[in-house]
């Protein structure tokens, strides 16, 4: 019996040793994954830390400036091109017939149609898709009437507020809804007490918006009444090494250039890394290297440039029919104060102006163009803020309660409104306006029924 007991004891210690070794290995792997996740998050935060000061990018009113200085007038600004027709605005040539393009003959950056093909192309695991992601193509979220439009697709963002300070969820505020393996699927943490959806925005006319000078957006802000004044968000331009510019893209105006916007979406919506954002997302704070066989960066950056150039070449959304009732509604829109934030018309910077912290020069196709976005591209507190700032920390804390003024061009093509898509009619959206928009909403409510019909008819023409 003594010998049996000794043999049993030896085997028991052997088993314990194996279990302990396995446990320690799992702990070390988990620690490594966590360290990789933290390291990637730290590097990404560094990339989103801006440097320098905001360049004016020219005066807010170029033509007035030139006349006062005695210089020759470079010409009257022209209306921007509009249309739902999948045709270029002139930034790039139209290119080969779209239906003739294939994966084998498409040439990135050659033409509008080439770049549209890449914008619509589906990513696969072999391309670097995921491991966590929301979509396989830009077109999945940005297509309505034509490629580049908004859609009903929302993304899920969460975090928590503790002692008045916002903290992102375990892997960042964006909760991915899809994954290439069940083990890396993301879920909302039980401690996350801030939860929201954000609707996919339209990118049509984005090139014109990018070509608006910082000084113009700041002039719009400064002309607004103090109690309705918007917030201009200063953000880094990724392709300019983090030099700063006034943001204008995304629900928090968290990006200032289309290339930065595209690189962010490529990583955060499709999981594709690029030279601008070379670190993979985590899954709820855990590293995902074991599930990702494609070396980073997974794209050389050309696709990001193609996405950006496609958006730059899109036409702005066109207006619908305009009749006497629409014209009356237009006047009422301005009279009750809607136009303070929903700025009807903005003129882009002159051709040749360097924007995006010097990384992009405004071409003839986008320069000195009058756009009618019905937005100031600033952030306002109208009582619908989703509680999630651009980034945690003191610098952006004020953005938690503010959202970008939704551009109203193309409104007639949308049936889900506001940042979360939870207003289903224009009147419902109006009724959600509080905070800085409270006086305007009250003036709307004071209109008689005929005036309200005219105003709503005007909005349905946008």
Protein backbone atom coordinates (compact mmCIF):
# COMPACT_ATOMS: atom_id res chain seq x y z
CA UNK A 1 0.00 0.00 0.00
CA UNK A 2 2.87 2.35 0.76
CA UNK A 3 4.25 1.91 -2.76
CA UNK A 4 0.83 2.45 -4.29
CA UNK A 5 0.33 5.60 -2.28
CA UNK A 6 3.76 6.88 -3.34
CA UNK A 7 3.03 6.23 -7.03
CA UNK A 8 -0.36 7.94 -6.69
CA UNK A 9 1.23 10.96 -5.03
CA UNK A 10 3.85 11.32 -7.75
CA UNK A 11 1.21 11.20 -10.46
CA UNK A 12 -0.85 13.77 -8.56
CA UNK A 13 2.06 16.18 -8.39
CA UNK A 14 2.73 15.62 -12.08
CA UNK A 15 -0.91 16.47 -12.89
CA UNK A 16 -0.80 19.53 -10.66
CA UNK A 17 2.37 20.70 -12.38
CA UNK A 18 0.73 20.40 -15.80
CA UNK A 19 -2.36 22.26 -14.63
CA UNK A 20 -0.26 25.02 -13.05
CA UNK A 21 1.91 25.33 -16.15
CA UNK A 22 -1.13 25.57 -18.38
CA UNK A 23 -2.71 28.12 -16.08
CA UNK A 24 0.47 30.24 -16.00
CA UNK A 25 0.73 30.04 -19.78
CA UNK A 26 -2.86 31.23 -20.14
CA UNK A 27 -2.19 34.04 -17.67
CA UNK A 28 0.91 35.10 -19.58
CA UNK A 29 -0.95 34.97 -22.90
CA UNK A 30 -3.79 37.01 -21.45
CA UNK A 31 -1.30 39.50 -20.02
CA UNK A 32 0.46 39.71 -23.38
CA UNK A 33 -2.82 40.26 -25.21
CA UNK A 34 -3.86 42.88 -22.68
CA UNK A 35 -0.47 44.61 -22.98
CA UNK A 36 -0.76 44.52 -26.78
CA UNK A 37 -4.23 46.02 -26.53
CA UNK A 38 -3.10 48.73 -24.14
CA UNK A 39 -0.02 49.49 -26.25
CA UNK A 40 -2.10 49.80 -29.42
CA UNK A 41 -4.61 52.03 -27.63
CA UNK A 42 -1.82 54.25 -26.36
CA UNK A 43 -0.28 54.57 -29.82
CA UNK A 44 -3.68 55.37 -31.32
CA UNK A 45 -4.28 58.04 -28.69
CA UNK A 46 -0.94 59.59 -29.59
CA UNK A 47 -2.00 59.73 -33.24
CA UNK A 48 -5.19 61.54 -32.22
CA UNK A 49 -3.27 64.11 -30.21
CA UNK A 50 -3.06 67.30 -32.25
CA UNK A 51 -0.08 69.58 -32.57
CA UNK A 52 0.41 73.19 -33.59
CA UNK A 53 -2.21 75.88 -34.15
CA UNK A 54 -5.17 76.12 -36.51
CA UNK A 55 -4.29 77.77 -39.81
CA UNK A 56 -6.89 80.23 -41.12
CA UNK A 57 -6.55 78.77 -44.64
CA UNK A 58 -7.25 82.19 -46.08
CA UNK A 59 -9.78 84.87 -45.16
CA UNK A 60 -13.41 83.98 -44.58
CA UNK A 61 -14.51 86.20 -47.50
CA UNK A 62 -11.85 86.02 -50.18
CA UNK A 63 -13.47 88.31 -52.73
CA UNK A 64 -14.13 91.14 -50.29
CA UNK A 65 -10.56 90.81 -49.03
CA UNK A 66 -9.14 91.06 -52.54
CA UNK A 67 -11.20 94.12 -53.50
CA UNK A 68 -10.23 95.96 -50.32
CA UNK A 69 -6.57 95.16 -50.92
CA UNK A 70 -6.81 96.49 -54.45
CA UNK A 71 -6.01 93.16 -56.06
CA UNK A 72 -7.90 91.85 -59.10
CA UNK A 73 -11.04 89.82 -58.47
CA UNK A 74 -10.49 86.15 -59.26
CA UNK A 75 -14.10 85.65 -60.25
CA UNK A 76 -17.48 85.20 -58.72
CA UNK A 77 -18.03 81.95 -56.81
CA UNK A 78 -20.12 79.45 -58.74
CA UNK A 79 -22.78 77.03 -57.51
CA UNK A 80 -21.39 73.62 -56.65
CA UNK A 81 -22.44 70.75 -58.85
CA UNK A 82 -25.37 68.72 -57.54
CA UNK A 83 -27.04 65.48 -58.60
CA UNK A 84 -27.93 61.92 -57.73
CA UNK A 85 -26.29 60.50 -60.84
CA UNK A 86 -23.02 58.73 -59.89
CA UNK A 87 -21.18 61.31 -61.97
CA UNK A 88 -18.01 63.19 -61.07
CA UNK A 89 -18.06 66.82 -60.01
CA UNK A 90 -14.88 67.35 -62.02
CA UNK A 91 -12.35 66.58 -59.29
CA UNK A 92 -11.44 63.39 -61.17
CA UNK A 93 -12.30 62.24 -64.71
CA UNK A 94 -15.31 59.94 -64.97
CA UNK A 95 -13.13 57.10 -66.23
CA UNK A 96 -13.99 53.77 -67.86
CA UNK A 97 -17.59 52.60 -67.87
CA UNK A 98 -18.33 51.46 -64.33
CA UNK A 99 -19.81 48.15 -65.46
CA UNK A 100 -16.59 47.31 -67.30
CA UNK A 101 -14.47 47.41 -64.15
CA UNK A 102 -13.39 44.26 -62.33
CA UNK A 103 -11.02 43.40 -59.52
CA UNK A 104 -8.39 42.61 -62.17
CA UNK A 105 -8.57 45.80 -64.25
CA UNK A 106 -9.50 48.50 -61.72
CA UNK A 107 -6.78 51.15 -61.22
CA UNK A 108 -6.91 53.02 -57.90
CA UNK A 109 -6.81 56.83 -58.16
CA UNK A 110 -7.22 56.78 -61.95
CA UNK A 111 -10.80 58.02 -62.10
CA UNK A 112 -14.08 58.56 -60.30
CA UNK A 113 -15.42 55.19 -61.45
CA UNK A 114 -12.24 53.36 -60.40
CA UNK A 115 -12.43 54.89 -56.95
CA UNK A 116 -16.14 54.18 -56.71
CA UNK A 117 -15.43 50.53 -57.51
CA UNK A 118 -12.95 50.39 -54.62
CA UNK A 119 -15.41 52.24 -52.34
CA UNK A 120 -18.00 49.53 -53.12
CA UNK A 121 -15.57 46.57 -53.04
CA UNK A 122 -16.10 43.92 -50.35
CA UNK A 123 -13.24 43.09 -48.00
CA UNK A 124 -12.48 39.49 -46.99
CA UNK A 125 -10.54 37.85 -44.18
CA UNK A 126 -7.66 37.47 -46.63
CA UNK A 127 -7.63 41.25 -47.07
CA UNK A 128 -7.43 41.73 -43.31
CA UNK A 129 -11.12 42.07 -42.49
CA UNK A 130 -11.73 42.22 -38.74
CA UNK A 131 -11.12 40.39 -36.47
CA UNK A 132 -13.86 42.72 -35.14
CA UNK A 133 -15.79 44.82 -37.63
CA UNK A 134 -19.14 46.32 -38.60
CA UNK A 135 -19.16 46.15 -42.40
CA UNK A 136 -17.29 44.66 -45.37
CA UNK A 137 -17.55 47.67 -47.65
CA UNK A 138 -17.90 51.45 -47.49
CA UNK A 139 -21.02 51.01 -49.61
CA UNK A 140 -22.72 48.92 -46.92
CA UNK A 141 -23.18 52.04 -44.79
CA UNK A 142 -22.98 54.77 -47.43
CA UNK A 143 -25.47 54.07 -50.18
CA UNK A 144 -28.89 55.59 -50.68
CA UNK A 145 -30.12 56.69 -54.10
CA UNK A 146 -26.44 56.62 -55.15
CA UNK A 147 -23.18 55.38 -53.69
CA UNK A 148 -21.93 57.75 -51.01
CA UNK A 149 -25.32 58.61 -49.52
CA UNK A 150 -26.31 57.97 -45.92
CA UNK A 151 -28.23 54.90 -44.82
CA UNK A 152 -30.24 53.30 -42.03
CA UNK A 153 -27.12 51.54 -40.69
CA UNK A 154 -26.15 52.54 -37.15
CA UNK A 155 -23.06 51.88 -35.07
CA UNK A 156 -23.16 51.12 -31.36
CA UNK A 157 -21.18 53.22 -28.87
CA UNK A 158 -20.97 52.82 -25.12
CA UNK A 159 -18.96 53.86 -22.10
CA UNK A 160 -19.44 54.81 -18.48
CA UNK A 161 -19.42 57.93 -16.35
CA UNK A 162 -17.81 57.63 -12.93
CA UNK A 163 -17.61 60.66 -10.62
CA UNK A 164 -18.44 62.90 -13.55
CA UNK A 165 -15.65 61.55 -15.78
CA UNK A 166 -16.27 59.59 -18.97
CA UNK A 167 -14.47 56.30 -19.58
CA UNK A 168 -14.68 54.34 -22.82
CA UNK A 169 -15.85 50.74 -22.87
CA UNK A 170 -13.25 47.98 -22.55
CA UNK A 171 -12.02 48.19 -26.14
CA UNK A 172 -13.06 51.76 -26.89
CA UNK A 173 -16.47 53.39 -27.22
CA UNK A 174 -17.26 51.63 -30.52
CA UNK A 175 -18.82 48.20 -29.98
CA UNK A 176 -18.35 46.12 -33.11
CA UNK A 177 -21.37 44.09 -34.17
CA UNK A 178 -19.55 41.45 -36.18
CA UNK A 179 -16.43 39.28 -35.89
CA UNK A 180 -14.54 36.67 -37.90
CA UNK A 181 -14.49 34.26 -34.91
CA UNK A 182 -16.98 33.78 -32.05
CA UNK A 183 -14.22 34.11 -29.45
CA UNK A 184 -13.59 37.76 -30.34
CA UNK A 185 -17.19 38.91 -30.56
CA UNK A 186 -17.68 42.14 -28.61
CA UNK A 187 -20.43 42.84 -26.08
CA UNK A 188 -21.52 45.81 -24.01
CA UNK A 189 -19.95 45.77 -20.56
CA UNK A 190 -22.46 45.66 -17.72
CA UNK A 191 -20.79 48.71 -16.17
CA UNK A 192 -21.39 50.83 -19.30
CA UNK A 193 -24.10 53.30 -18.28
CA UNK A 194 -23.79 55.44 -21.44
CA UNK A 195 -25.18 53.73 -24.54
CA UNK A 196 -26.19 55.09 -27.93
CA UNK A 197 -26.53 54.46 -31.64
CA UNK A 198 -25.08 56.71 -34.34
CA UNK A 199 -26.54 56.73 -37.82
CA UNK A 200 -24.32 56.50 -40.90
CA UNK A 201 -23.89 59.93 -42.44
CA UNK A 202 -23.93 60.90 -46.10
CA UNK A 203 -20.57 61.56 -47.75
CA UNK A 204 -22.04 63.17 -50.88
CA UNK A 205 -20.53 66.60 -51.46
CA UNK A 206 -17.80 65.80 -48.96
CA UNK A 207 -15.08 67.33 -51.13
CA UNK A 208 -16.77 70.71 -50.99
CA UNK A 209 -17.08 70.50 -47.20
CA UNK A 210 -13.40 69.62 -46.92
CA UNK A 211 -12.60 72.67 -49.05
CA UNK A 212 -14.27 75.11 -46.63
CA UNK A 213 -11.59 77.19 -44.92
CA UNK A 214 -11.17 77.10 -41.15
CA UNK A 215 -11.65 80.87 -41.12
CA UNK A 216 -15.07 80.48 -42.74
CA UNK A 217 -16.32 78.04 -40.09
CA UNK A 218 -14.95 80.26 -37.33
CA UNK A 219 -16.62 83.31 -38.87
CA UNK A 220 -19.95 81.46 -38.93
CA UNK A 221 -19.47 80.55 -35.26
CA UNK A 222 -18.54 84.08 -34.24
CA UNK A 223 -21.60 85.56 -35.98
CA UNK A 224 -24.01 83.33 -34.05
CA UNK A 225 -25.83 84.70 -30.98
CA UNK A 226 -23.99 83.86 -27.78
CA UNK A 227 -26.72 81.52 -26.53
CA UNK A 228 -26.74 79.57 -29.81
CA UNK A 229 -23.05 79.72 -30.62
CA UNK A 230 -21.55 76.48 -31.84
CA UNK A 231 -18.33 74.78 -30.76
CA UNK A 232 -15.54 74.41 -33.30
CA UNK A 233 -13.72 71.17 -32.53
CA UNK A 234 -9.97 71.22 -33.14
CA UNK A 235 -8.73 67.80 -34.30
CA UNK A 236 -5.53 66.34 -35.78
CA UNK A 237 -5.16 65.68 -39.50
CA UNK A 238 -3.65 62.19 -39.59
CA UNK A 239 -1.97 62.57 -42.98
CA UNK A 240 -0.39 65.85 -41.83
CA UNK A 241 1.38 64.26 -38.89
CA UNK A 242 -1.25 65.37 -36.40
CA UNK A 243 -1.25 69.08 -37.24
CA UNK A 244 -4.64 70.48 -36.33
CA UNK A 245 -7.66 71.75 -38.22
CA UNK A 246 -11.32 72.51 -37.49
CA UNK A 247 -13.27 69.25 -37.58
CA UNK A 248 -16.33 68.82 -39.82
CA UNK A 249 -16.88 65.09 -40.55
CA UNK A 250 -18.72 62.65 -38.28
CA UNK A 251 -21.40 63.23 -35.64
CA UNK A 252 -18.86 64.88 -33.36
CA UNK A 253 -16.94 66.66 -36.17
CA UNK A 254 -14.12 64.38 -35.07
CA UNK A 255 -12.31 64.54 -38.40
CA UNK A 256 -11.19 67.47 -40.51
CA UNK A 257 -10.08 65.69 -43.69
CA UNK A 258 -11.58 63.00 -45.86
CA UNK A 259 -8.39 60.96 -45.79
CA UNK A 260 -8.43 60.90 -41.97
CA UNK A 261 -12.15 60.10 -42.02
CA UNK A 262 -11.57 57.23 -44.48
CA UNK A 263 -8.63 55.76 -42.56
CA UNK A 264 -10.64 55.84 -39.34
CA UNK A 265 -13.61 54.10 -40.98
CA UNK A 266 -11.39 51.51 -42.69
CA UNK A 267 -9.98 50.50 -39.31
CA UNK A 268 -13.01 50.94 -37.05
CA UNK A 269 -15.74 49.72 -39.39
CA UNK A 270 -13.88 47.07 -41.40
CA UNK A 271 -10.84 46.28 -39.27
CA UNK A 272 -8.31 47.12 -42.01
CA UNK A 273 -5.09 48.72 -40.78
CA UNK A 274 -3.19 51.29 -42.85
CA UNK A 275 -0.03 53.40 -42.48
CA UNK A 276 -2.13 56.17 -40.92
CA UNK A 277 -3.67 53.77 -38.37
CA UNK A 278 -1.47 50.65 -38.30
CA UNK A 279 -2.62 49.10 -35.01
CA UNK A 280 -5.42 46.54 -34.95
CA UNK A 281 -8.46 47.08 -32.75
CA UNK A 282 -8.83 44.90 -29.69
CA UNK A 283 -11.82 42.81 -28.70
CA UNK A 284 -13.08 44.34 -25.47
CA UNK A 285 -9.51 45.29 -24.57
CA UNK A 286 -7.99 41.91 -25.46
CA UNK A 287 -5.41 41.49 -28.20
CA UNK A 288 -6.58 39.67 -31.34
CA UNK A 289 -3.27 38.68 -32.91
CA UNK A 290 -4.12 34.98 -32.65
CA UNK A 291 -7.06 35.50 -35.01
CA UNK A 292 -5.38 37.82 -37.51
CA UNK A 293 -3.01 36.25 -40.06
CA UNK A 294 -2.51 39.38 -42.20
CA UNK A 295 0.51 41.52 -41.35
CA UNK A 296 -0.09 45.14 -40.36
CA UNK A 297 -0.58 47.48 -42.03
CA UNK A 298 -3.03 45.37 -44.03
CA UNK A 299 -3.47 48.05 -46.72
CA UNK A 300 -0.68 50.23 -48.08
CA UNK A 301 -2.83 53.36 -47.87
CA UNK A 302 -3.87 53.48 -51.52
CA UNK A 303 -7.41 52.33 -50.75
CA UNK A 304 -7.76 55.12 -48.19
CA UNK A 305 -6.72 57.66 -50.82
CA UNK A 306 -9.18 56.11 -53.28
CA UNK A 307 -12.01 56.37 -50.73
CA UNK A 308 -11.10 60.00 -50.04
CA UNK A 309 -10.87 60.92 -53.71
CA UNK A 310 -14.19 59.24 -54.46
CA UNK A 311 -15.87 61.37 -51.78
CA UNK A 312 -14.08 64.47 -53.04
CA UNK A 313 -15.47 63.86 -56.52
CA UNK A 314 -19.11 63.30 -55.51
CA UNK A 315 -21.72 65.91 -56.31
CA UNK A 316 -23.70 67.55 -53.54
CA UNK A 317 -27.29 66.37 -52.97
CA UNK A 318 -29.68 68.25 -55.29
CA UNK A 319 -32.81 70.13 -54.31
CA UNK A 320 -36.28 68.84 -55.04
CA UNK A 321 -39.04 70.88 -56.74
CA UNK A 322 -39.43 74.45 -55.48
CA UNK A 323 -42.84 76.12 -55.53
CA UNK A 324 -44.46 79.06 -53.75
CA UNK A 325 -45.14 77.07 -50.58
CA UNK A 326 -41.52 75.90 -50.45
CA UNK A 327 -40.32 79.48 -50.87
CA UNK A 328 -42.59 80.60 -48.02
CA UNK A 329 -41.21 77.81 -45.85
CA UNK A 330 -37.68 78.90 -46.69
CA UNK A 331 -38.42 82.39 -45.34
CA UNK A 332 -39.96 80.94 -42.18
CA UNK A 333 -36.92 78.69 -41.71
CA UNK A 334 -34.76 81.77 -41.40
CA UNK A 335 -37.26 83.84 -39.46
CA UNK A 336 -37.70 81.45 -36.54
CA UNK A 337 -33.96 80.85 -36.17
CA UNK A 338 -33.33 77.45 -37.81
CA UNK A 339 -30.76 79.00 -40.14
CA UNK A 340 -28.55 80.10 -37.24
CA UNK A 341 -27.15 76.56 -36.99
CA UNK A 342 -28.45 75.04 -40.23
CA UNK A 343 -26.45 77.53 -42.32
CA UNK A 344 -28.07 77.64 -45.77
CA UNK A 345 -25.03 78.54 -47.88
CA UNK A 346 -21.25 78.43 -47.49
CA UNK A 347 -18.54 79.31 -50.02
CA UNK A 348 -15.47 77.09 -50.26
CA UNK A 349 -11.91 78.40 -50.26
CA UNK A 350 -10.34 79.65 -53.47
CA UNK A 351 -8.58 77.22 -55.82
CA UNK A 352 -4.97 76.85 -54.81
CA UNK A 353 -5.65 77.25 -51.10
CA UNK A 354 -3.73 74.76 -48.98
CA UNK A 355 -5.99 73.07 -46.42
CA UNK A 356 -5.78 70.02 -44.15
CA UNK A 357 -2.70 71.51 -42.46
CA UNK A 358 -1.04 71.77 -45.86
CA UNK A 359 -1.74 68.18 -46.94
CA UNK A 360 -4.30 69.07 -49.64
CA UNK A 361 -4.60 71.88 -52.16
CA UNK A 362 -8.08 72.97 -53.18
CA UNK A 363 -8.51 72.29 -56.94
CA UNK A 364 -10.58 74.27 -59.43
CA UNK A 365 -13.40 71.71 -59.21
CA UNK A 366 -13.90 72.38 -55.49
CA UNK A 367 -12.67 75.94 -55.03
CA UNK A 368 -14.86 79.06 -54.86
CA UNK A 369 -18.01 76.96 -54.93
CA UNK A 370 -21.26 77.84 -53.18
CA UNK A 371 -22.65 74.87 -51.31
CA UNK A 372 -26.02 74.67 -49.60
CA UNK A 373 -25.55 72.11 -46.82
CA UNK A 374 -27.84 73.69 -44.20
CA UNK A 375 -25.21 73.06 -41.54
CA UNK A 376 -22.50 75.04 -39.80
CA UNK A 377 -20.53 71.82 -39.13
CA UNK A 378 -20.15 72.95 -35.52
CA UNK A 379 -21.26 71.16 -32.37
CA UNK A 380 -24.31 72.34 -30.41
CA UNK A 381 -26.06 71.24 -27.25
CA UNK A 382 -29.69 70.77 -28.25
CA UNK A 383 -30.50 68.25 -25.55
CA UNK A 384 -29.79 65.19 -27.69
CA UNK A 385 -26.11 64.73 -26.91
CA UNK A 386 -25.23 61.06 -26.61
CA UNK A 387 -22.90 61.46 -23.63
CA UNK A 388 -19.82 60.25 -25.51
CA UNK A 389 -17.04 62.79 -26.18
CA UNK A 390 -14.68 62.77 -29.14
CA UNK A 391 -12.12 61.23 -26.78
CA UNK A 392 -11.99 60.84 -23.00
CA UNK A 393 -10.16 63.57 -21.13
CA UNK A 394 -10.49 67.24 -20.33
CA UNK A 395 -9.76 68.52 -23.86
CA UNK A 396 -12.91 67.02 -25.37
CA UNK A 397 -15.10 66.67 -22.26
CA UNK A 398 -17.48 69.38 -23.47
CA UNK A 399 -18.28 67.44 -26.64
CA UNK A 400 -20.15 64.74 -24.68
CA UNK A 401 -23.37 66.75 -24.64
CA UNK A 402 -22.96 68.24 -28.10
CA UNK A 403 -23.59 66.92 -31.61
CA UNK A 404 -22.69 68.27 -35.04
CA UNK A 405 -25.46 70.20 -36.76
CA UNK A 406 -26.90 67.63 -39.13
CA UNK A 407 -26.55 68.83 -42.76
CA UNK A 408 -30.04 68.96 -44.21
CA UNK A 409 -29.09 68.62 -47.86
CA UNK A 410 -30.56 65.31 -49.01
CA UNK A 411 -33.10 65.36 -46.16
CA UNK A 412 -35.85 64.18 -48.51
CA UNK A 413 -34.01 60.86 -48.95
CA UNK A 414 -33.93 60.01 -45.23
CA UNK A 415 -36.67 58.53 -43.03
CA UNK A 416 -34.58 58.03 -39.88
CA UNK A 417 -33.40 61.29 -38.38
CA UNK A 418 -31.15 62.73 -35.67
CA UNK A 419 -27.85 61.12 -34.66
CA UNK A 420 -29.48 57.95 -33.34
CA UNK A 421 -32.03 57.52 -36.14
CA UNK A 422 -34.85 57.43 -33.57
CA UNK A 423 -36.83 60.37 -34.93
CA UNK A 424 -39.03 59.00 -37.70
CA UNK A 425 -40.58 62.23 -39.03
CA UNK A 426 -39.25 65.74 -39.49
CA UNK A 427 -41.74 67.04 -36.94
CA UNK A 428 -40.52 64.49 -34.38
CA UNK A 429 -36.97 65.68 -34.99
CA UNK A 430 -38.03 69.30 -34.45
CA UNK A 431 -39.73 68.39 -31.19
CA UNK A 432 -36.51 66.81 -29.88
CA UNK A 433 -34.69 70.14 -30.14
CA UNK A 434 -34.01 71.55 -26.68
CA UNK A 435 -31.09 73.36 -25.05
CA UNK A 436 -29.59 75.89 -27.44
CA UNK A 437 -32.44 75.20 -29.89
CA UNK A 438 -35.26 75.65 -27.35
CA UNK A 439 -36.21 79.21 -28.45
CA UNK A 440 -36.32 78.12 -32.09
CA UNK A 441 -38.52 75.13 -31.30
CA UNK A 442 -40.92 77.38 -29.38
CA UNK A 443 -41.14 79.76 -32.31
CA UNK A 444 -41.95 76.78 -34.54
CA UNK A 445 -44.72 75.75 -32.16
CA UNK A 446 -46.12 79.30 -32.31
CA UNK A 447 -46.57 79.14 -36.10
CA UNK A 448 -50.09 78.61 -37.38
CA UNK A 449 -50.95 75.40 -39.22
CA UNK A 450 -50.45 76.89 -42.70
CA UNK A 451 -47.01 78.19 -41.75
CA UNK A 452 -46.02 74.83 -40.30
CA UNK A 453 -47.10 73.10 -43.49
CA UNK A 454 -45.02 75.53 -45.54
CA UNK A 455 -41.97 75.00 -43.35
CA UNK A 456 -42.28 71.23 -43.52
CA UNK A 457 -42.81 71.40 -47.28
CA UNK A 458 -39.59 73.43 -47.54
CA UNK A 459 -37.69 70.83 -45.53
CA UNK A 460 -39.06 68.06 -47.74
CA UNK A 461 -37.55 69.87 -50.76
CA UNK A 462 -34.01 69.61 -49.42
